[in-house]
């Protein structure tokens, strides 16, 4: 994230938004106001971090 860039969002905030929207790694994400690029970078990082193949997920229900 570029320091001093007006409106730049911290990575933790972006992750919170992605989780709050219940996004999945396979979802499409379009940053309508790319500015510093911080949100798009956070999306790629969050997506890779949460990209667990469905066949490997454990179901405890």
N, C-alpha and C. Protein backbone atom coordinates (compact mmCIF):
# COMPACT_ATOMS: atom_id res chain seq x y z
N UNK A 1 0.84 -1.17 0.00
CA UNK A 1 0.00 0.00 0.00
C UNK A 1 0.88 1.23 0.00
N UNK A 2 0.58 2.16 -0.86
CA UNK A 2 1.33 3.40 -0.92
C UNK A 2 0.94 4.28 0.26
N UNK A 3 1.93 4.71 1.00
CA UNK A 3 1.65 5.59 2.13
C UNK A 3 1.20 6.96 1.64
N UNK A 4 0.19 7.49 2.31
CA UNK A 4 -0.28 8.80 1.96
C UNK A 4 -1.23 8.84 0.78
N UNK A 5 -1.55 7.70 0.21
CA UNK A 5 -2.48 7.67 -0.92
C UNK A 5 -3.90 7.79 -0.35
N UNK A 6 -4.63 8.85 -0.69
CA UNK A 6 -5.97 9.04 -0.13
C UNK A 6 -6.90 7.87 -0.45
N UNK A 7 -7.53 7.34 0.58
CA UNK A 7 -8.49 6.26 0.39
C UNK A 7 -7.91 4.87 0.33
N UNK A 8 -6.60 4.73 0.44
CA UNK A 8 -5.98 3.40 0.41
C UNK A 8 -6.47 2.59 1.60
N UNK A 9 -6.81 1.33 1.36
CA UNK A 9 -7.34 0.47 2.41
C UNK A 9 -6.27 -0.49 2.92
N UNK A 10 -6.18 -0.66 4.24
CA UNK A 10 -5.25 -1.65 4.80
C UNK A 10 -5.70 -3.08 4.47
N UNK A 11 -4.76 -3.96 4.37
CA UNK A 11 -5.04 -5.36 4.04
C UNK A 11 -6.04 -5.99 5.01
N UNK A 12 -5.86 -5.74 6.31
CA UNK A 12 -6.77 -6.33 7.32
C UNK A 12 -8.21 -5.88 7.09
N UNK A 13 -8.39 -4.63 6.72
CA UNK A 13 -9.73 -4.12 6.43
C UNK A 13 -10.33 -4.86 5.23
N UNK A 14 -9.52 -5.04 4.20
CA UNK A 14 -9.99 -5.75 3.00
C UNK A 14 -10.40 -7.18 3.34
N UNK A 15 -9.56 -7.87 4.13
CA UNK A 15 -9.89 -9.24 4.52
C UNK A 15 -11.22 -9.27 5.28
N UNK A 16 -11.42 -8.29 6.16
CA UNK A 16 -12.66 -8.21 6.94
C UNK A 16 -13.86 -8.05 6.00
N UNK A 17 -13.73 -7.22 4.99
CA UNK A 17 -14.82 -7.01 4.02
C UNK A 17 -15.09 -8.30 3.25
N UNK A 18 -14.03 -8.97 2.78
CA UNK A 18 -14.21 -10.22 2.02
C UNK A 18 -14.93 -11.26 2.87
N UNK A 19 -14.53 -11.38 4.14
CA UNK A 19 -15.17 -12.34 5.04
C UNK A 19 -16.62 -11.95 5.31
N UNK A 20 -16.85 -10.65 5.55
CA UNK A 20 -18.20 -10.16 5.83
C UNK A 20 -19.16 -10.37 4.67
N UNK A 21 -18.64 -10.32 3.46
CA UNK A 21 -19.46 -10.56 2.27
C UNK A 21 -19.57 -12.04 1.94
N UNK A 22 -18.92 -12.87 2.75
CA UNK A 22 -18.95 -14.33 2.57
C UNK A 22 -18.46 -14.72 1.19
N UNK A 23 -17.40 -14.06 0.73
CA UNK A 23 -16.83 -14.37 -0.58
C UNK A 23 -16.08 -15.69 -0.54
N UNK A 24 -16.03 -16.33 -1.68
CA UNK A 24 -15.32 -17.59 -1.85
C UNK A 24 -14.14 -17.35 -2.79
N UNK A 25 -13.06 -18.14 -2.67
CA UNK A 25 -11.89 -17.95 -3.55
C UNK A 25 -12.21 -18.01 -5.03
N UNK A 26 -13.24 -18.75 -5.41
CA UNK A 26 -13.58 -18.87 -6.83
C UNK A 26 -14.49 -17.73 -7.32
N UNK A 27 -14.91 -16.85 -6.44
CA UNK A 27 -15.74 -15.71 -6.84
C UNK A 27 -14.93 -14.72 -7.67
N UNK A 28 -15.62 -13.96 -8.49
CA UNK A 28 -14.98 -12.90 -9.26
C UNK A 28 -14.98 -11.63 -8.42
N UNK A 29 -13.92 -10.87 -8.52
CA UNK A 29 -13.82 -9.60 -7.80
C UNK A 29 -13.34 -8.54 -8.77
N UNK A 30 -14.08 -7.43 -8.84
CA UNK A 30 -13.71 -6.32 -9.72
C UNK A 30 -13.58 -5.07 -8.86
N UNK A 31 -12.39 -4.56 -8.76
CA UNK A 31 -12.13 -3.33 -8.01
C UNK A 31 -12.51 -2.16 -8.92
N UNK A 32 -13.63 -1.53 -8.63
CA UNK A 32 -14.13 -0.46 -9.49
C UNK A 32 -13.32 0.83 -9.37
N UNK A 33 -12.63 0.99 -8.24
CA UNK A 33 -11.80 2.17 -8.02
C UNK A 33 -10.41 1.70 -7.59
N UNK A 34 -9.58 1.25 -8.55
CA UNK A 34 -8.31 0.60 -8.21
C UNK A 34 -7.30 1.49 -7.48
N UNK A 35 -7.28 2.77 -7.71
CA UNK A 35 -6.39 3.68 -6.98
C UNK A 35 -4.99 3.12 -6.78
N UNK A 36 -4.65 2.80 -5.52
CA UNK A 36 -3.31 2.30 -5.19
C UNK A 36 -3.12 0.84 -5.57
N UNK A 37 -4.22 0.12 -5.83
CA UNK A 37 -4.13 -1.30 -6.14
C UNK A 37 -4.12 -2.18 -4.90
N UNK A 38 -4.22 -1.56 -3.71
CA UNK A 38 -4.13 -2.31 -2.46
C UNK A 38 -5.25 -3.32 -2.30
N UNK A 39 -6.47 -2.97 -2.69
CA UNK A 39 -7.61 -3.88 -2.52
C UNK A 39 -7.47 -5.08 -3.46
N UNK A 40 -7.06 -4.85 -4.69
CA UNK A 40 -6.87 -5.96 -5.63
C UNK A 40 -5.75 -6.88 -5.17
N UNK A 41 -4.67 -6.30 -4.65
CA UNK A 41 -3.58 -7.12 -4.11
C UNK A 41 -4.05 -7.93 -2.91
N UNK A 42 -4.85 -7.31 -2.04
CA UNK A 42 -5.38 -8.01 -0.87
C UNK A 42 -6.29 -9.15 -1.30
N UNK A 43 -7.09 -8.92 -2.36
CA UNK A 43 -7.99 -9.97 -2.85
C UNK A 43 -7.19 -11.18 -3.32
N UNK A 44 -6.15 -10.94 -4.10
CA UNK A 44 -5.33 -12.05 -4.59
C UNK A 44 -4.68 -12.81 -3.44
N UNK A 45 -4.19 -12.10 -2.46
CA UNK A 45 -3.57 -12.74 -1.30
C UNK A 45 -4.60 -13.52 -0.50
N UNK A 46 -5.77 -12.93 -0.26
CA UNK A 46 -6.83 -13.59 0.50
C UNK A 46 -7.34 -14.82 -0.25
N UNK A 47 -7.49 -14.67 -1.57
CA UNK A 47 -7.98 -15.78 -2.39
C UNK A 47 -7.03 -16.96 -2.35
N UNK A 48 -5.74 -16.72 -2.47
CA UNK A 48 -4.75 -17.81 -2.42
C UNK A 48 -4.71 -18.43 -1.03
N UNK A 49 -4.83 -17.62 -0.01
CA UNK A 49 -4.81 -18.11 1.37
C UNK A 49 -6.01 -19.01 1.66
N UNK A 50 -7.14 -18.71 1.04
CA UNK A 50 -8.37 -19.44 1.31
C UNK A 50 -8.74 -20.42 0.21
N UNK A 51 -7.85 -20.68 -0.72
CA UNK A 51 -8.15 -21.56 -1.84
C UNK A 51 -7.89 -23.01 -1.44
N UNK A 52 -8.87 -23.59 -0.73
CA UNK A 52 -8.79 -24.98 -0.29
C UNK A 52 -9.74 -25.79 -1.17
N UNK A 53 -9.23 -26.78 -1.87
CA UNK A 53 -10.12 -27.59 -2.72
C UNK A 53 -11.26 -28.18 -1.90
N UNK A 54 -12.46 -28.15 -2.45
CA UNK A 54 -13.65 -28.65 -1.75
C UNK A 54 -13.48 -30.11 -1.33
N UNK A 55 -12.73 -30.89 -2.09
CA UNK A 55 -12.56 -32.31 -1.77
C UNK A 55 -11.70 -32.49 -0.51
N UNK A 56 -10.96 -31.46 -0.11
CA UNK A 56 -10.12 -31.57 1.08
C UNK A 56 -10.77 -30.98 2.32
N UNK A 57 -11.92 -30.32 2.18
CA UNK A 57 -12.59 -29.73 3.32
C UNK A 57 -13.21 -30.84 4.18
N UNK A 58 -13.14 -30.67 5.47
CA UNK A 58 -13.74 -31.61 6.39
C UNK A 58 -15.15 -31.15 6.74
N UNK A 59 -16.06 -32.07 6.79
CA UNK A 59 -17.44 -31.75 7.12
C UNK A 59 -17.79 -32.40 8.45
N UNK A 60 -18.00 -31.56 9.47
CA UNK A 60 -18.30 -32.07 10.81
C UNK A 60 -19.78 -32.03 11.13
N UNK A 61 -20.60 -31.72 10.17
CA UNK A 61 -22.05 -31.61 10.41
C UNK A 61 -22.72 -32.97 10.48
